[in-house]
Structures are given as C-alpha cells and as structure tokens.
C-alpha cells in the first residue's frame, strides 16, 4: 500500500476554502471624491451603472485627463492610493499614466455601482518579436449586456469601451479598432489593434487573469525605477480624441489623424510648458517648468 493511498484513505474530503482576502474593497471607491471627479469630467446628474453611463464616463475621462509621465520627469513618487490620485489628476488638473488613469476610473466605476476587474496587458505597439512583460493596466466592466473592455490609460487606444467579443470591430471618432481572441503566449488571450489609415497595428495583448491595486503597485514601481523603462529618460504626453491624436515626446510634438496623415514640429525647450497647457491642458507652476526644461535639456542634449 502506497503512502498516497494511506493519506487518501485516512482523510475526509477537505471543505471548500473560504475567502482568504477579507478586504474586498479592491478599488477604494469609498475613498473617491465622486463629486470632484465628475466635475473634472464635466458630468452631472443621475449616473446609474448602465452601458450609457460607462460610455459617458469613459469619453469624458479621456477628454479631460491626458496621459503623461511628468511625475517621473520631475523625479517625484507616483502614488496609487485613491486620495493621491484625486489630488493629482482631479484637484490639481494633472494627468497620469496607465496605472493612475485606470485605477482612478476603477474607483469611480466602483463607486457608481459597476463590477470592475483589472487585467494586465503586453504592449505591442512599436515593435514585435520576443514577448514583452505585461506592464499595462486595463479594466473589464461587467454589465447586463455582457463584459466590456475599458481603458483610459493607453494614450492612443479606446475612446469608448468595446464589448468582449471575438472579431469585434468598430470605428470610434474616426479611429478603427478591433478585438480578437488569440493564442500568443497562452490560451484565452485577446489582442487589441488599431487602424492608422494604411493597415492594422497591434496595440496590446492580454489574458483574463484578474489583477488588483497591489499588483499594479509592483508593476508601477518597476516602470518608475527600471533603467530601460520607456518612461524614464524622456517626456511622454498624449491626448486622443475624435479625429486627432496629439503626442509630445520630449520636444517633438506630433499630431496624427485617423487617415494616417500626421504633422510634426520641434518645440523649443522654453516653450514646452506653454504646449503642455495649450494642447494637453496641463498647467505647471514656475518651479515645475524650470525642472522640466532642465530635464529636457539633459534628455535631448540641447
């Protein structure tokens, strides 16, 4: 008689495990100043947890809050607790990168009564080849109509949520988007692509493995501190809307249209603060502008 048989014969079936995670407030929605957030977005009135509300909040968030990595440029810590996110992106009218953006959205949706799950994606834009680490945050929102993908933190992706449906394709504000089920690294993966007027380009792939704030805090620390992080050693600011995507990469300002046309110009370092205000709605004080200008000269060798 084997050891395995003795163990199985002598033990009663184990009970089903109870929840080990007793704190179920994954998104800190109760800590969100919802009125201030909605005012920042220009929204008011009754907002029940429906698809129409999800679309309205998603659109308004993207229009109001730009993508930016200025905290890293300013050499300040990135804080992901909801009060800090509200202070930065709502009260001080700044932007943020994916973890900040989608954690703020998740808190708002949670507060409004939506069911939210976090995922992590492998960014594919800018090149393919060896698998990249899953360092981008995005959200699934479950509605009566089914699950929807929401993401206000990519800088050049969705304007509105899209349904989780294999082969779903739509145009948002002139931008073509498509979601497909794939098997890039494992099973049950999804690929989001965009159309640039000439062809379909991969944005990111992801699996349906749930993530929470604590996971994103680890990912964020990696992106802030790793010497090869795409957000270290350069300024990145983006805003996408119907018909136009604006991106400031150090001192290069690019505006792209859905048909593939684009304009590009170099911005003098001393005018970057003005561009941040006029194009992206980001206001910096005099000391912050001085630090950004100093860092840009270091980045560009100007």
Protein backbone atom coordinates (compact mmCIF):
# COMPACT_ATOMS: atom_id res chain seq x y z
CA UNK A 1 0.00 0.00 0.00
CA UNK A 2 1.49 3.34 -1.04
CA UNK A 3 1.82 6.46 1.07
CA UNK A 4 -0.64 8.25 -1.24
CA UNK A 5 -3.27 5.56 -0.65
CA UNK A 6 -2.82 5.73 3.13
CA UNK A 7 -3.29 9.51 3.08
CA UNK A 8 -6.37 9.40 0.86
CA UNK A 9 -7.94 6.59 2.90
CA UNK A 10 -7.37 8.33 6.24
CA UNK A 11 -8.53 11.86 5.39
CA UNK A 12 -12.08 13.08 4.95
CA UNK A 13 -12.63 15.39 1.96
CA UNK A 14 -11.44 18.90 2.75
CA UNK A 15 -14.10 21.62 2.96
CA UNK A 16 -14.29 24.22 0.25
CA UNK A 17 -11.86 27.05 1.03
CA UNK A 18 -13.25 30.26 2.43
CA UNK A 19 -12.16 33.65 1.12
CA UNK A 20 -8.66 34.43 2.29
CA UNK A 21 -8.85 38.02 1.05
CA UNK A 22 -11.19 39.56 3.59
CA UNK A 23 -10.72 43.14 2.36
CA UNK A 24 -12.88 43.15 -0.78
CA UNK A 25 -12.61 46.90 -1.38
CA UNK A 26 -10.27 46.31 -4.31
CA UNK A 27 -10.70 49.75 -5.93
CA UNK A 28 -11.13 52.07 -2.91
CA UNK A 29 -14.29 53.52 -4.41
CA UNK A 30 -15.45 54.70 -1.00
CA UNK A 31 -12.39 56.95 -0.76
CA UNK A 32 -13.14 58.76 -4.02
CA UNK A 33 -14.48 62.32 -4.01
CA UNK A 34 -17.04 61.46 -6.67
CA UNK A 35 -18.45 64.97 -6.99
CA UNK A 36 -14.99 66.43 -7.63
CA UNK A 37 -14.19 63.69 -10.16
CA UNK A 38 -17.42 64.20 -12.08
CA UNK A 39 -16.90 67.97 -12.05
CA UNK A 40 -13.43 67.46 -13.55
CA UNK A 41 -15.09 65.40 -16.29
CA UNK A 42 -17.92 67.90 -16.81
CA UNK A 43 -20.58 65.34 -15.86
CA UNK A 44 -23.53 65.67 -13.51
CA UNK A 45 -26.96 64.24 -12.84
CA UNK A 46 -28.09 60.66 -12.36
CA UNK A 47 -25.46 58.12 -13.42
CA UNK A 48 -26.80 54.58 -12.94
CA UNK A 49 -24.45 51.63 -13.64
CA UNK A 50 -25.50 51.20 -17.28
CA UNK A 51 -23.71 51.00 -20.62
CA UNK A 52 -24.68 54.59 -21.42
CA UNK A 53 -23.08 55.79 -18.18
CA UNK A 54 -19.95 53.71 -18.78
CA UNK A 55 -19.56 55.21 -22.24
CA UNK A 56 -20.16 58.75 -21.00
CA UNK A 57 -17.66 58.47 -18.14
CA UNK A 58 -15.04 56.82 -20.38
CA UNK A 59 -15.33 59.52 -23.07
CA UNK A 60 -15.32 62.37 -20.58
CA UNK A 61 -12.34 60.99 -18.65
CA UNK A 62 -10.24 60.77 -21.82
CA UNK A 63 -11.25 64.26 -22.90
CA UNK A 64 -10.41 65.80 -19.52
CA UNK A 65 -7.35 63.91 -18.24
CA UNK A 66 -4.30 63.48 -20.51
CA UNK A 67 -1.71 60.71 -20.46
CA UNK A 68 1.61 61.93 -19.05
CA UNK A 69 4.72 60.83 -17.14
CA UNK A 70 5.65 64.19 -15.64
CA UNK A 71 5.98 62.76 -12.13
CA UNK A 72 8.91 60.67 -13.35
CA UNK A 73 10.43 63.64 -15.20
CA UNK A 74 10.03 65.76 -12.05
CA UNK A 75 11.57 62.88 -10.03
CA UNK A 76 8.57 62.67 -7.74
CA UNK A 77 6.94 59.46 -6.47
CA UNK A 78 3.88 58.04 -8.22
CA UNK A 79 1.24 57.31 -5.60
CA UNK A 80 -1.62 54.96 -6.48
CA UNK A 81 -3.95 55.30 -3.50
CA UNK A 82 -7.21 56.96 -4.48
CA UNK A 83 -6.85 60.15 -2.38
CA UNK A 84 -3.46 60.79 -4.03
CA UNK A 85 -4.91 60.13 -7.50
CA UNK A 86 -7.75 62.56 -6.82
CA UNK A 87 -5.36 65.21 -5.51
CA UNK A 88 -3.15 64.97 -8.58
CA UNK A 89 -5.49 64.33 -11.51
CA UNK A 90 -8.70 65.93 -10.23
CA UNK A 91 -7.83 68.77 -7.85
CA UNK A 92 -4.53 69.79 -9.47
CA UNK A 93 -5.77 69.05 -13.02
CA UNK A 94 -2.78 66.93 -13.98
CA UNK A 95 -2.73 63.72 -15.99
CA UNK A 96 -1.15 60.35 -15.37
CA UNK A 97 -0.02 57.09 -16.91
CA UNK A 98 -1.93 53.82 -17.17
CA UNK A 99 -1.95 52.73 -13.52
CA UNK A 100 -3.00 56.15 -12.30
CA UNK A 101 -5.62 56.62 -15.00
CA UNK A 102 -7.30 53.24 -14.83
CA UNK A 103 -7.16 53.00 -11.03
CA UNK A 104 -8.94 56.35 -10.84
CA UNK A 105 -11.51 55.14 -13.37
CA UNK A 106 -11.92 51.85 -11.49
CA UNK A 107 -12.58 53.70 -8.23
CA UNK A 108 -15.18 55.89 -9.93
CA UNK A 109 -16.93 52.97 -11.61
CA UNK A 110 -16.88 51.01 -8.36
CA UNK A 111 -18.42 53.97 -6.55
CA UNK A 112 -21.11 54.23 -9.24
CA UNK A 113 -22.06 50.58 -8.74
CA UNK A 114 -20.24 48.85 -11.60
CA UNK A 115 -18.49 45.48 -11.32
CA UNK A 116 -14.83 46.01 -12.28
CA UNK A 117 -11.94 43.58 -12.83
CA UNK A 118 -8.37 44.61 -13.57
CA UNK A 119 -6.17 42.96 -16.21
CA UNK A 120 -2.55 43.40 -17.34
CA UNK A 121 -1.51 43.69 -21.00
CA UNK A 122 1.66 43.26 -23.03
CA UNK A 123 2.21 46.43 -25.05
CA UNK A 124 2.90 45.54 -28.70
CA UNK A 125 2.88 48.93 -30.41
CA UNK A 126 6.30 49.99 -31.61
CA UNK A 127 7.57 46.51 -32.39
CA UNK A 128 7.05 42.77 -32.23
CA UNK A 129 9.32 39.80 -31.60
CA UNK A 130 10.06 38.39 -28.16
CA UNK A 131 7.19 38.62 -25.65
CA UNK A 132 7.19 41.77 -23.59
CA UNK A 133 6.26 41.86 -19.91
CA UNK A 134 2.64 42.57 -19.04
CA UNK A 135 3.01 46.13 -17.75
CA UNK A 136 -0.13 47.91 -18.96
CA UNK A 137 -3.27 48.18 -16.82
CA UNK A 138 -6.77 47.88 -18.28
CA UNK A 139 -10.24 47.04 -17.00
CA UNK A 140 -13.15 44.71 -17.63
CA UNK A 141 -16.57 46.04 -16.68
CA UNK A 142 -19.42 43.53 -16.37
CA UNK A 143 -22.87 44.73 -17.45
CA UNK A 144 -26.21 43.12 -18.19
CA UNK A 145 -25.16 43.26 -21.84
CA UNK A 146 -22.03 41.26 -21.02
CA UNK A 147 -18.38 42.15 -20.29
CA UNK A 148 -16.82 45.30 -21.80
CA UNK A 149 -13.19 46.40 -22.13
CA UNK A 150 -12.44 49.85 -20.69
CA UNK A 151 -9.07 51.61 -20.87
CA UNK A 152 -8.40 55.33 -20.38
CA UNK A 153 -4.68 54.86 -19.75
CA UNK A 154 -3.10 53.87 -23.04
CA UNK A 155 -2.81 57.29 -24.64
CA UNK A 156 -3.73 56.17 -28.16
CA UNK A 157 -6.37 53.46 -27.84
CA UNK A 158 -10.04 53.31 -26.98
CA UNK A 159 -12.26 56.38 -26.91
CA UNK A 160 -15.15 54.30 -25.59
CA UNK A 161 -15.43 50.80 -24.11
CA UNK A 162 -15.75 47.88 -26.53
CA UNK A 163 -17.53 44.57 -25.92
CA UNK A 164 -15.52 41.44 -25.21
CA UNK A 165 -16.40 39.72 -28.47
CA UNK A 166 -14.04 37.83 -30.75
CA UNK A 167 -13.66 39.74 -34.01
CA UNK A 168 -15.48 42.84 -32.77
CA UNK A 169 -14.59 45.82 -34.95
CA UNK A 170 -15.82 49.40 -34.80
CA UNK A 171 -14.88 52.99 -35.56
CA UNK A 172 -14.65 55.50 -32.71
CA UNK A 173 -14.18 59.14 -33.63
CA UNK A 174 -12.66 58.08 -36.94
CA UNK A 175 -10.29 55.55 -35.33
CA UNK A 176 -10.67 51.91 -36.33
CA UNK A 177 -10.41 49.36 -33.51
CA UNK A 178 -10.62 45.57 -33.45
CA UNK A 179 -10.57 42.97 -30.66
CA UNK A 180 -9.66 39.35 -31.43
CA UNK A 181 -9.19 36.21 -29.39
CA UNK A 182 -5.65 34.87 -29.93
CA UNK A 183 -3.07 32.45 -28.53
CA UNK A 184 0.14 34.48 -28.41
CA UNK A 185 1.68 33.17 -25.18
CA UNK A 186 -1.11 31.05 -23.72
CA UNK A 187 -4.78 30.27 -24.13
CA UNK A 188 -7.66 32.72 -23.68
CA UNK A 189 -5.74 35.79 -24.79
CA UNK A 190 -7.06 38.89 -26.52
CA UNK A 191 -5.44 41.27 -28.99
CA UNK A 192 -6.47 44.91 -29.48
CA UNK A 193 -5.49 46.56 -32.77
CA UNK A 194 -6.00 49.98 -34.31
CA UNK A 195 -6.24 51.10 -37.94
CA UNK A 196 -3.99 54.01 -38.93
CA UNK A 197 -5.34 54.63 -42.43
CA UNK A 198 -2.89 52.19 -44.01
CA UNK A 199 -3.18 48.99 -42.01
CA UNK A 200 -3.95 47.33 -38.70
CA UNK A 201 -1.40 47.77 -35.94
CA UNK A 202 -1.25 45.78 -32.67
CA UNK A 203 -1.66 47.86 -29.52
CA UNK A 204 -1.55 45.20 -26.80
CA UNK A 205 -2.48 41.64 -25.89
CA UNK A 206 -3.80 40.43 -22.55
CA UNK A 207 -5.25 37.43 -20.75
CA UNK A 208 -8.24 37.25 -18.42
CA UNK A 209 -6.18 36.93 -15.24
CA UNK A 210 -7.52 39.28 -12.58
CA UNK A 211 -5.25 41.98 -11.15
CA UNK A 212 -5.74 44.28 -8.17
CA UNK A 213 -4.20 47.55 -6.95
CA UNK A 214 -1.37 45.73 -5.20
CA UNK A 215 -0.29 44.09 -8.47
CA UNK A 216 -0.30 47.42 -10.25
CA UNK A 217 1.79 48.98 -7.46
CA UNK A 218 4.53 46.40 -8.17
CA UNK A 219 4.32 46.96 -11.93
CA UNK A 220 4.41 50.73 -11.46
CA UNK A 221 7.49 50.55 -9.26
CA UNK A 222 9.23 48.55 -12.00
CA UNK A 223 8.39 51.12 -14.68
CA UNK A 224 9.46 54.02 -12.49
CA UNK A 225 12.80 52.53 -11.45
CA UNK A 226 14.00 50.18 -14.21
CA UNK A 227 16.73 51.85 -16.31
CA UNK A 228 15.20 50.51 -19.55
CA UNK A 229 11.69 51.66 -18.73
CA UNK A 230 10.04 53.53 -21.64
CA UNK A 231 9.01 56.23 -19.17
CA UNK A 232 12.47 57.01 -17.78
CA UNK A 233 14.78 59.42 -19.54
CA UNK A 234 12.12 61.08 -21.67
CA UNK A 235 8.92 63.09 -21.51
CA UNK A 236 5.77 61.41 -22.86
CA UNK A 237 2.43 63.23 -23.04
CA UNK A 238 -0.58 62.12 -25.11
CA UNK A 239 -4.19 63.01 -25.72
CA UNK A 240 -6.52 61.23 -28.14
CA UNK A 241 -9.96 62.33 -29.25
CA UNK A 242 -12.24 62.23 -32.26
CA UNK A 243 -10.12 62.89 -35.34
CA UNK A 244 -6.81 63.71 -33.64
CA UNK A 245 -4.08 62.16 -31.51
CA UNK A 246 -1.55 64.57 -30.01
CA UNK A 247 1.76 63.32 -28.62
CA UNK A 248 4.66 65.24 -27.13
CA UNK A 249 7.81 63.12 -26.97
CA UNK A 250 10.47 65.26 -25.30
CA UNK A 251 10.38 68.31 -27.60
CA UNK A 252 8.72 66.70 -30.63
CA UNK A 253 5.01 67.44 -30.97
CA UNK A 254 3.16 65.10 -33.34
CA UNK A 255 -0.49 65.30 -34.36
CA UNK A 256 -1.93 62.27 -36.18
CA UNK A 257 -5.29 61.79 -37.88
CA UNK A 258 -7.23 58.53 -38.40
CA UNK A 259 -6.43 58.55 -42.14
CA UNK A 260 -2.72 58.26 -41.39
CA UNK A 261 -1.75 61.88 -42.03
CA UNK A 262 0.45 63.49 -39.42
CA UNK A 263 2.23 66.73 -38.70
CA UNK A 264 5.36 67.10 -36.63
CA UNK A 265 7.23 70.06 -35.22
CA UNK A 266 10.04 70.69 -32.81
CA UNK A 267 9.15 72.73 -29.75
CA UNK A 268 11.84 74.93 -28.16
CA UNK A 269 12.52 73.74 -24.63
CA UNK A 270 11.41 77.05 -23.15
CA UNK A 271 8.02 76.69 -24.90
CA UNK A 272 7.22 73.16 -23.70
CA UNK A 273 5.32 74.48 -20.69
CA UNK A 274 3.10 76.51 -22.99
CA UNK A 275 2.43 73.47 -25.20
CA UNK A 276 1.57 71.38 -22.15
CA UNK A 277 -1.02 73.98 -21.18
CA UNK A 278 -2.48 74.76 -24.61
CA UNK A 279 -2.51 71.30 -26.21
CA UNK A 280 -2.87 69.00 -23.21
CA UNK A 281 -4.44 71.21 -20.55
CA UNK A 282 -1.60 70.63 -18.07
CA UNK A 283 -0.61 73.63 -16.00
CA UNK A 284 2.78 73.62 -14.27
CA UNK A 285 4.00 76.19 -11.79
CA UNK A 286 7.19 78.15 -12.40
CA UNK A 287 9.40 75.79 -10.41
CA UNK A 288 7.97 72.71 -12.16
CA UNK A 289 8.53 74.29 -15.56
CA UNK A 290 12.14 75.01 -14.66
CA UNK A 291 12.73 71.38 -13.64
CA UNK A 292 11.06 70.04 -16.80
CA UNK A 293 13.14 72.34 -19.00
CA UNK A 294 16.34 71.29 -17.22
CA UNK A 295 15.48 67.60 -17.60
CA UNK A 296 14.57 68.01 -21.27
CA UNK A 297 17.95 69.57 -21.96
CA UNK A 298 19.52 66.54 -20.29
CA UNK A 299 17.36 64.10 -22.28
CA UNK A 300 17.97 65.75 -25.65
CA UNK A 301 21.49 67.13 -25.18
CA UNK A 302 20.26 70.59 -26.13
